[in-house]
């Protein structure tokens, strides 16, 4: 970001000079002198900035060392963090000490009745931390601003609808991360980092962002949960574009986490997946047929087969791309479809430009991966038994914007292909027409 600022500043200087009109020999010399001066100033500022940062880091580390020497009543042998913020775990006291460090001073906060859960359940990405104590089922999340430490402890048990269910598995909980990016027309980039706690034995997940808990939910219903036994996880995960796919291969349930929130689908809920560019469908696969690709080989996530074949569409050399979407058609009376957006920049891509073409290829690769995963899920749904996921409670993306007529036409086609029964067709049709 700093490099872009410096280059933009230099470009403004050049345009300002060029805007003055023609150059004489003396003007050219003056012009290059200005360039050298500006470049020199940028280099000097960068060097000074690096020196100051290095000095401040050294001072913070010294402050941490001196504080540890002067305060011997807290075990600091186990900790996570960096020179700006550290979390120490005292096993004998069953306590966490959060220490925020600035050159201006040190501030501490203490969390009682909390133990270090192991490195896999303690994450720190400056300035955000997430720690889960599986014994007490407590989730510690937080961040810092200036010298202030902003944290919260969430009782996962209190939010667990399956807390009274007999659990027959002892699968270790884990964290997964999702990093999303959105670029505006003015080239402003918005980055968001999500952490997803997976408590598989209780059929529960929790989503955090910026040190705050966004959602805690059960993805498996209480009656089905006791069926899972043992210590081995059956959840596979894939981060694709701005989405995190979490697939429970035992229960045949997909949890889809995105920038908005989350979705929960039984594999059998998904009856068709398609890829669209600018509203034009380039690929489709339903529970009975595939157009645009072939089913071959095996898929690493543990399913039956993988869908290969391009979503290349027309030539990439001269296209204008407004939308790149994966559309999921659902066998659901509460919602008929879901759309995943893979073009993460808020402007039209023109592939004759090299930078836009590279972006297009990246987005297309992500869309291909999502299409493959969902296509395998469609095949795997044939092995699924009675749907067992909790009802869909949130929306990770906006519903499809296609017309009612388009939806009715697709439903009629699925019925004609024998994918939907007469009763399923009637229910979906009534839902679309609001009857």
Protein backbone atom coordinates (compact mmCIF):
# COMPACT_ATOMS: atom_id res chain seq x y z
CA UNK A 1 0.00 0.00 0.00
CA UNK A 2 2.87 2.39 0.84
CA UNK A 3 4.58 1.60 -2.49
CA UNK A 4 1.37 2.44 -4.36
CA UNK A 5 1.19 5.74 -2.50
CA UNK A 6 4.77 6.63 -3.40
CA UNK A 7 4.31 5.69 -7.06
CA UNK A 8 1.05 7.65 -7.25
CA UNK A 9 2.75 10.71 -5.78
CA UNK A 10 5.55 10.45 -8.30
CA UNK A 11 3.07 10.06 -11.16
CA UNK A 12 1.22 13.20 -10.03
CA UNK A 13 4.47 15.15 -10.08
CA UNK A 14 5.24 13.91 -13.60
CA UNK A 15 1.77 14.82 -14.89
CA UNK A 16 2.01 18.22 -13.27
CA UNK A 17 5.30 18.89 -15.00
CA UNK A 18 4.08 17.53 -18.32
CA UNK A 19 0.96 19.66 -18.04
CA UNK A 20 3.12 22.77 -18.27
CA UNK A 21 3.66 22.29 -21.99
CA UNK A 22 6.83 21.82 -24.03
CA UNK A 23 10.33 21.48 -22.56
CA UNK A 24 13.53 23.30 -23.38
CA UNK A 25 16.95 21.85 -22.61
CA UNK A 26 17.04 23.60 -19.25
CA UNK A 27 13.51 22.42 -18.49
CA UNK A 28 14.51 18.82 -19.12
CA UNK A 29 17.41 19.13 -16.73
CA UNK A 30 15.14 20.67 -14.12
CA UNK A 31 12.57 17.94 -14.74
CA UNK A 32 15.05 15.14 -14.03
CA UNK A 33 16.37 17.02 -11.02
CA UNK A 34 12.84 17.07 -9.56
CA UNK A 35 12.52 13.32 -10.19
CA UNK A 36 15.79 12.63 -8.42
CA UNK A 37 14.79 14.84 -5.49
CA UNK A 38 11.40 13.14 -5.12
CA UNK A 39 12.97 9.66 -5.37
CA UNK A 40 15.61 10.67 -2.83
CA UNK A 41 12.99 11.94 -0.39
CA UNK A 42 11.03 8.70 -0.70
CA UNK A 43 14.16 6.62 -0.05
CA UNK A 44 15.16 8.74 2.95
CA UNK A 45 11.63 8.53 4.43
CA UNK A 46 11.60 4.74 3.95
CA UNK A 47 15.00 4.40 5.65
CA UNK A 48 13.95 6.62 8.57
CA UNK A 49 10.70 4.70 8.93
CA UNK A 50 12.57 1.39 9.03
CA UNK A 51 15.03 2.71 11.62
CA UNK A 52 12.21 4.00 13.85
CA UNK A 53 10.29 0.72 13.56
CA UNK A 54 13.39 -1.28 14.43
CA UNK A 55 14.16 0.96 17.42
CA UNK A 56 10.58 0.70 18.73
CA UNK A 57 10.58 -3.08 18.37
CA UNK A 58 13.87 -3.34 20.25
CA UNK A 59 12.52 -1.11 23.01
CA UNK A 60 9.31 -3.16 23.34
CA UNK A 61 11.28 -6.40 23.60
CA UNK A 62 13.45 -4.83 26.31
CA UNK A 63 10.32 -3.71 28.19
CA UNK A 64 8.94 -7.27 28.04
CA UNK A 65 12.21 -8.65 29.37
CA UNK A 66 12.37 -6.16 32.24
CA UNK A 67 8.71 -6.74 33.16
CA UNK A 68 9.33 -10.51 33.34
CA UNK A 69 12.34 -9.94 35.61
CA UNK A 70 10.39 -7.63 37.93
CA UNK A 71 7.21 -9.74 38.04
CA UNK A 72 7.95 -13.33 39.02
CA UNK A 73 4.49 -14.34 40.22
CA UNK A 74 3.18 -15.48 36.82
CA UNK A 75 4.55 -18.37 34.75
CA UNK A 76 5.50 -17.06 31.30
CA UNK A 77 6.97 -20.20 29.81
CA UNK A 78 3.96 -20.79 27.52
CA UNK A 79 2.72 -17.89 25.42
CA UNK A 80 1.58 -16.73 21.99
CA UNK A 81 1.95 -13.28 20.39
CA UNK A 82 4.67 -10.85 19.36
CA UNK A 83 6.45 -7.80 20.74
CA UNK A 84 3.20 -5.77 20.64
CA UNK A 85 0.92 -8.20 22.47
CA UNK A 86 1.50 -11.49 24.28
CA UNK A 87 -0.83 -14.01 25.94
CA UNK A 88 0.74 -16.04 28.76
CA UNK A 89 -0.83 -19.24 30.15
CA UNK A 90 -0.13 -20.16 33.77
CA UNK A 91 -1.10 -23.84 34.22
CA UNK A 92 -0.89 -23.78 38.03
CA UNK A 93 -3.15 -20.74 38.33
CA UNK A 94 -5.36 -21.76 35.40
CA UNK A 95 -5.12 -18.17 34.27
CA UNK A 96 -4.32 -16.18 31.14
CA UNK A 97 -2.46 -12.88 31.22
CA UNK A 98 -2.91 -10.64 28.18
CA UNK A 99 -0.13 -8.07 27.97
CA UNK A 100 -0.26 -5.16 25.53
CA UNK A 101 3.12 -3.49 24.97
CA UNK A 102 3.78 -0.02 23.55
CA UNK A 103 6.83 2.21 23.90
CA UNK A 104 4.61 4.39 26.11
CA UNK A 105 3.94 1.58 28.57
CA UNK A 106 2.47 -1.85 29.35
CA UNK A 107 -1.11 -2.85 30.18
CA UNK A 108 -2.26 -6.25 31.48
CA UNK A 109 -5.59 -8.08 31.68
CA UNK A 110 -6.21 -11.41 33.45
CA UNK A 111 -8.65 -14.19 32.51
CA UNK A 112 -9.54 -16.68 35.26
CA UNK A 113 -10.42 -20.36 34.94
CA UNK A 114 -8.78 -20.83 31.55
CA UNK A 115 -5.96 -23.15 30.44
CA UNK A 116 -3.63 -23.40 27.46
CA UNK A 117 -5.33 -25.82 25.02
CA UNK A 118 -2.36 -26.55 22.77
CA UNK A 119 -0.96 -24.70 19.79
CA UNK A 120 -3.68 -25.80 17.36
CA UNK A 121 -6.36 -24.01 19.42
CA UNK A 122 -4.42 -20.84 20.18
CA UNK A 123 -4.03 -18.42 17.27
CA UNK A 124 -2.61 -14.92 17.05
CA UNK A 125 -2.54 -12.74 13.95
CA UNK A 126 -1.68 -9.20 14.99
CA UNK A 127 -3.76 -7.59 16.35
CA UNK A 128 -6.31 -10.42 16.76
CA UNK A 129 -6.19 -13.49 19.03
CA UNK A 130 -8.47 -16.54 19.37
CA UNK A 131 -8.02 -19.26 22.02
CA UNK A 132 -10.39 -22.14 22.76
CA UNK A 133 -10.32 -24.12 26.01
CA UNK A 134 -12.09 -27.40 25.06
CA UNK A 135 -12.26 -28.66 28.66
CA UNK A 136 -14.31 -25.69 29.86
CA UNK A 137 -15.68 -25.00 26.37
CA UNK A 138 -14.71 -21.33 26.60
CA UNK A 139 -13.66 -19.21 23.63
CA UNK A 140 -11.34 -16.26 24.35
CA UNK A 141 -11.27 -13.68 21.56
CA UNK A 142 -9.90 -10.18 21.38
CA UNK A 143 -7.76 -7.46 19.88
CA UNK A 144 -6.06 -4.26 20.99
CA UNK A 145 -6.22 -0.58 20.17
CA UNK A 146 -3.57 1.74 21.56
CA UNK A 147 -3.04 0.51 25.13
CA UNK A 148 -6.57 -0.82 25.43
CA UNK A 149 -7.14 -4.59 25.35
CA UNK A 150 -10.59 -5.46 23.98
CA UNK A 151 -11.50 -9.07 24.78
CA UNK A 152 -14.42 -11.36 25.55
CA UNK A 153 -14.89 -14.90 26.87
CA UNK A 154 -17.79 -16.77 25.28
CA UNK A 155 -19.30 -19.87 26.87
CA UNK A 156 -19.80 -22.24 23.95
CA UNK A 157 -21.83 -24.57 26.17
CA UNK A 158 -24.44 -21.87 26.74
CA UNK A 159 -24.92 -21.50 22.97
CA UNK A 160 -24.86 -25.23 22.17
CA UNK A 161 -28.34 -26.58 21.36
CA UNK A 162 -26.87 -30.10 21.59
CA UNK A 163 -25.33 -29.61 25.05
CA UNK A 164 -27.59 -32.24 26.63
CA UNK A 165 -26.93 -34.83 23.92
CA UNK A 166 -24.79 -37.88 24.72
CA UNK A 167 -21.60 -37.45 22.69
CA UNK A 168 -19.95 -40.67 21.45
CA UNK A 169 -16.87 -39.15 19.78
CA UNK A 170 -13.83 -37.40 21.22
CA UNK A 171 -12.58 -35.55 18.15
CA UNK A 172 -10.20 -32.70 18.94
CA UNK A 173 -11.66 -29.27 18.05
CA UNK A 174 -9.70 -27.16 15.57
CA UNK A 175 -9.49 -23.69 14.04
CA UNK A 176 -9.69 -22.90 10.32
CA UNK A 177 -9.10 -19.46 8.82
CA UNK A 178 -10.72 -17.62 5.91
CA UNK A 179 -9.11 -14.54 4.38
CA UNK A 180 -11.36 -12.49 2.08
CA UNK A 181 -10.54 -9.59 -0.24
CA UNK A 182 -12.76 -7.04 -1.96
CA UNK A 183 -11.42 -4.29 -4.25
CA UNK A 184 -13.47 -1.19 -5.02
CA UNK A 185 -13.47 0.79 -8.27
CA UNK A 186 -11.06 3.26 -6.62
CA UNK A 187 -8.60 0.40 -5.99
CA UNK A 188 -9.32 0.45 -2.27
CA UNK A 189 -8.77 -3.06 -0.90
CA UNK A 190 -10.81 -4.43 2.01
CA UNK A 191 -9.25 -7.44 3.72
CA UNK A 192 -11.15 -9.46 6.32
CA UNK A 193 -9.88 -12.39 8.38
CA UNK A 194 -12.28 -14.94 9.85
CA UNK A 195 -11.52 -17.79 12.24
CA UNK A 196 -13.85 -20.79 12.33
CA UNK A 197 -13.87 -23.02 15.40
CA UNK A 198 -14.95 -26.57 14.55
CA UNK A 199 -16.20 -28.57 17.55
CA UNK A 200 -17.02 -31.71 15.61
CA UNK A 201 -17.98 -33.92 18.55
CA UNK A 202 -20.80 -31.53 19.43
CA UNK A 203 -21.76 -30.75 15.81
CA UNK A 204 -20.99 -27.07 16.42
CA UNK A 205 -19.07 -24.25 14.79
CA UNK A 206 -18.25 -20.67 15.82
CA UNK A 207 -17.17 -17.83 13.52
CA UNK A 208 -15.06 -14.93 14.77
CA UNK A 209 -13.86 -11.76 13.05
CA UNK A 210 -11.58 -9.00 14.36
CA UNK A 211 -11.55 -10.50 17.84
CA UNK A 212 -15.34 -10.75 18.12
CA UNK A 213 -17.68 -13.74 17.93
CA UNK A 214 -20.05 -13.37 14.96
CA UNK A 215 -21.97 -16.67 15.07
CA UNK A 216 -22.17 -19.86 17.11
CA UNK A 217 -24.36 -22.59 15.61
CA UNK A 218 -25.02 -26.33 15.47
CA UNK A 219 -24.76 -27.81 12.00
CA UNK A 220 -25.95 -31.28 13.06
CA UNK A 221 -29.28 -31.94 14.77
CA UNK A 222 -29.45 -33.54 18.21
CA UNK A 223 -31.01 -36.84 17.12
CA UNK A 224 -28.22 -37.63 14.63
CA UNK A 225 -25.17 -36.44 16.58
CA UNK A 226 -24.65 -39.65 18.68
CA UNK A 227 -24.09 -41.64 15.46
CA UNK A 228 -20.58 -40.23 15.09
CA UNK A 229 -18.05 -42.24 17.11
CA UNK A 230 -14.29 -42.43 17.57
CA UNK A 231 -11.49 -39.89 17.47
CA UNK A 232 -10.96 -39.36 13.74
CA UNK A 233 -12.31 -36.23 12.07
CA UNK A 234 -14.54 -36.64 9.01
CA UNK A 235 -14.51 -32.94 8.06
CA UNK A 236 -12.60 -31.76 5.00
CA UNK A 237 -12.07 -28.06 4.32
CA UNK A 238 -11.28 -25.99 1.24
CA UNK A 239 -10.69 -22.24 1.11
CA UNK A 240 -11.73 -21.07 -2.36
CA UNK A 241 -11.80 -17.36 -3.19
CA UNK A 242 -13.79 -15.60 -0.48
CA UNK A 243 -15.45 -18.81 0.73
CA UNK A 244 -14.58 -21.62 3.12
CA UNK A 245 -16.12 -25.01 2.32
CA UNK A 246 -16.42 -27.34 5.33
CA UNK A 247 -17.64 -30.80 4.38
CA UNK A 248 -18.64 -33.44 6.92
CA UNK A 249 -18.25 -36.66 4.95
CA UNK A 250 -19.87 -38.77 7.68
CA UNK A 251 -23.10 -36.80 7.88
CA UNK A 252 -23.00 -35.58 4.24
CA UNK A 253 -23.39 -31.95 5.30
CA UNK A 254 -21.79 -28.84 3.78
CA UNK A 255 -21.19 -25.68 5.81
CA UNK A 256 -20.33 -22.73 3.60
CA UNK A 257 -18.73 -19.70 5.29
CA UNK A 258 -18.38 -16.41 3.41
CA UNK A 259 -18.01 -12.67 4.01
CA UNK A 260 -21.73 -12.36 4.82
CA UNK A 261 -22.25 -15.24 7.23
CA UNK A 262 -22.82 -18.95 6.69
CA UNK A 263 -25.03 -21.55 5.00
CA UNK A 264 -25.79 -25.15 5.99
CA UNK A 265 -26.76 -27.68 3.32
CA UNK A 266 -27.42 -31.38 3.37
CA UNK A 267 -25.68 -32.85 0.33
CA UNK A 268 -29.11 -33.96 -0.85
CA UNK A 269 -30.31 -30.30 -0.73
CA UNK A 270 -28.12 -29.52 -3.76
CA UNK A 271 -29.69 -30.62 -7.02
CA UNK A 272 -27.78 -28.47 -9.52
CA UNK A 273 -24.64 -26.34 -9.79
CA UNK A 274 -23.90 -23.98 -12.68
CA UNK A 275 -21.28 -21.41 -13.65
CA UNK A 276 -22.35 -18.10 -15.22
CA UNK A 277 -20.45 -15.20 -16.77
CA UNK A 278 -22.41 -12.00 -17.30
CA UNK A 279 -25.59 -14.03 -16.84
CA UNK A 280 -24.63 -16.60 -19.51
CA UNK A 281 -24.51 -20.20 -18.31
CA UNK A 282 -21.25 -21.90 -19.39
CA UNK A 283 -21.47 -25.06 -17.28
CA UNK A 284 -24.16 -26.96 -15.45
CA UNK A 285 -24.35 -30.23 -13.53
CA UNK A 286 -27.42 -31.63 -11.86
CA UNK A 287 -28.11 -34.81 -9.94
CA UNK A 288 -28.78 -36.58 -13.21
CA UNK A 289 -26.65 -34.99 -15.91
CA UNK A 290 -23.57 -32.88 -16.70
CA UNK A 291 -23.04 -30.28 -19.43
CA UNK A 292 -19.68 -28.59 -20.03
CA UNK A 293 -17.40 -31.11 -18.29
CA UNK A 294 -16.80 -34.82 -17.73
CA UNK A 295 -16.73 -36.89 -14.55
CA UNK A 296 -13.46 -38.81 -14.23
CA UNK A 297 -10.85 -39.86 -11.69
CA UNK A 298 -10.98 -39.33 -7.96
CA UNK A 299 -11.10 -36.28 -5.72
CA UNK A 300 -8.72 -35.69 -2.82
CA UNK A 301 -11.44 -34.64 -0.39
CA UNK A 302 -12.55 -38.25 -0.18
CA UNK A 303 -15.64 -38.25 -2.39
CA UNK A 304 -16.43 -40.40 -5.38
CA UNK A 305 -15.30 -38.61 -8.55
CA UNK A 306 -14.00 -35.21 -9.57
CA UNK A 307 -15.38 -33.03 -12.31
CA UNK A 308 -12.76 -31.83 -14.76
CA UNK A 309 -13.07 -29.79 -17.89
CA UNK A 310 -12.86 -26.08 -18.42
CA UNK A 311 -15.11 -23.21 -17.70
CA UNK A 312 -13.12 -21.37 -20.30
CA UNK A 313 -16.08 -20.25 -22.41
CA UNK A 314 -15.13 -17.93 -25.24
CA UNK A 315 -11.65 -16.55 -25.88
CA UNK A 316 -9.99 -14.78 -22.95
CA UNK A 317 -8.31 -12.24 -25.21
CA UNK A 318 -11.06 -9.65 -25.51
CA UNK A 319 -13.85 -10.06 -23.00
CA UNK A 320 -15.63 -7.68 -20.67
CA UNK A 321 -16.54 -9.42 -17.44
CA UNK A 322 -19.18 -7.96 -15.15
CA UNK A 323 -20.07 -11.06 -13.11
CA UNK A 324 -18.56 -14.49 -12.45
CA UNK A 325 -20.94 -16.59 -10.37
CA UNK A 326 -21.51 -20.13 -9.21
CA UNK A 327 -25.23 -20.77 -8.79
CA UNK A 328 -26.52 -23.55 -6.54
CA UNK A 329 -30.08 -24.78 -7.09
CA UNK A 330 -31.58 -26.18 -3.91
CA UNK A 331 -34.22 -28.74 -3.08
CA UNK A 332 -35.66 -26.53 -0.34
CA UNK A 333 -39.04 -25.04 0.43
CA UNK A 334 -37.44 -22.12 2.29
CA UNK A 335 -35.05 -21.11 -0.49
CA UNK A 336 -34.64 -22.15 -4.10
CA UNK A 337 -31.10 -21.04 -4.90
CA UNK A 338 -27.84 -19.55 -3.65
CA UNK A 339 -25.21 -17.62 -5.62
CA UNK A 340 -21.47 -17.43 -4.93
CA UNK A 341 -19.64 -14.43 -6.40
CA UNK A 342 -16.08 -14.96 -7.59
CA UNK A 343 -15.24 -11.60 -9.20
CA UNK A 344 -13.86 -9.76 -6.17
CA UNK A 345 -13.29 -6.37 -7.79
CA UNK A 346 -16.10 -3.81 -8.18
CA UNK A 347 -15.49 -2.91 -11.81
CA UNK A 348 -15.75 -4.43 -15.26
CA UNK A 349 -12.75 -6.58 -16.18
CA UNK A 350 -11.40 -6.06 -19.70
CA UNK A 351 -9.25 -9.05 -20.55
CA UNK A 352 -7.36 -7.28 -23.33
CA UNK A 353 -5.53 -5.57 -20.46
CA UNK A 354 -2.88 -7.83 -18.99
CA UNK A 355 -3.67 -7.03 -15.34
CA UNK A 356 -7.40 -7.63 -15.87
CA UNK A 357 -6.69 -10.86 -17.75
CA UNK A 358 -4.62 -12.18 -14.83
CA UNK A 359 -7.39 -11.27 -12.40
CA UNK A 360 -9.92 -13.01 -14.63
CA UNK A 361 -7.81 -16.17 -14.74
CA UNK A 362 -7.49 -16.16 -10.95
CA UNK A 363 -11.23 -15.76 -10.46
CA UNK A 364 -11.92 -18.41 -13.09
CA UNK A 365 -9.59 -20.83 -11.30
CA UNK A 366 -11.47 -20.25 -8.04
CA UNK A 367 -14.83 -20.75 -9.75
CA UNK A 368 -13.54 -23.99 -11.28
CA UNK A 369 -12.50 -25.29 -7.87
CA UNK A 370 -15.87 -24.43 -6.33
CA UNK A 371 -17.66 -26.07 -9.24
CA UNK A 372 -15.58 -29.24 -8.79
CA UNK A 373 -16.31 -29.45 -5.06
CA UNK A 374 -20.04 -28.92 -5.51
CA UNK A 375 -20.19 -31.38 -8.41
CA UNK A 376 -18.58 -34.07 -6.27
CA UNK A 377 -21.06 -33.29 -3.49
CA UNK A 378 -23.92 -33.81 -5.94
CA UNK A 379 -22.52 -37.26 -6.78
CA UNK A 380 -21.89 -38.04 -3.13
CA UNK A 381 -25.46 -37.11 -2.21
CA UNK A 382 -26.63 -40.36 -3.76
CA UNK A 383 -25.07 -42.13 -0.78
CA UNK A 384 -26.62 -39.81 1.81
CA UNK A 385 -29.42 -41.00 4.05
CA UNK A 386 -32.13 -38.87 5.65
CA UNK A 387 -31.14 -35.16 5.82
CA UNK A 388 -29.70 -34.38 9.27
CA UNK A 389 -28.39 -30.83 9.11
CA UNK A 390 -29.90 -28.07 11.18
CA UNK A 391 -32.20 -25.73 9.19
CA UNK A 392 -30.54 -22.95 7.20
CA UNK A 393 -30.43 -19.96 9.53
CA UNK A 394 -28.16 -17.41 7.87
CA UNK A 395 -27.27 -16.16 4.41
CA UNK A 396 -23.69 -16.20 3.20
CA UNK A 397 -24.60 -14.52 -0.09
CA UNK A 398 -27.60 -12.89 -1.72
CA UNK A 399 -30.23 -15.10 -3.39
CA UNK A 400 -30.09 -15.42 -7.14
CA UNK A 401 -31.55 -12.48 -9.03
CA UNK A 402 -32.94 -14.48 -11.94
CA UNK A 403 -36.61 -14.07 -12.81
CA UNK A 404 -39.44 -16.31 -11.63
CA UNK A 405 -39.93 -17.44 -15.22
CA UNK A 406 -36.30 -18.59 -15.41
CA UNK A 407 -36.66 -20.51 -12.16
CA UNK A 408 -39.89 -22.16 -13.31
CA UNK A 409 -38.25 -23.18 -16.57
CA UNK A 410 -35.38 -24.81 -14.70
CA UNK A 411 -37.74 -26.61 -12.36
CA UNK A 412 -39.74 -27.91 -15.32
CA UNK A 413 -36.53 -29.14 -16.93
CA UNK A 414 -35.44 -30.93 -13.76
CA UNK A 415 -38.86 -32.56 -13.51
CA UNK A 416 -38.70 -33.65 -17.16
CA UNK A 417 -35.25 -35.17 -16.54
CA UNK A 418 -36.66 -37.15 -13.63
CA UNK A 419 -34.56 -35.30 -11.03
CA UNK A 420 -37.54 -33.80 -9.22
CA UNK A 421 -40.62 -35.80 -8.28
CA UNK A 422 -44.09 -34.44 -9.02
CA UNK A 423 -44.51 -33.50 -5.36
CA UNK A 424 -41.11 -31.75 -5.19
CA UNK A 425 -41.92 -29.85 -8.39
CA UNK A 426 -45.30 -28.77 -7.00
CA UNK A 427 -43.78 -27.53 -3.74
CA UNK A 428 -41.01 -25.58 -5.47
CA UNK A 429 -43.44 -24.08 -7.97
CA UNK A 430 -45.79 -22.96 -5.18
CA UNK A 431 -42.84 -21.41 -3.36
CA UNK A 432 -41.76 -19.42 -6.42
CA UNK A 433 -45.29 -18.18 -7.12
CA UNK A 434 -45.91 -17.33 -3.48
CA UNK A 435 -48.90 -19.66 -3.20
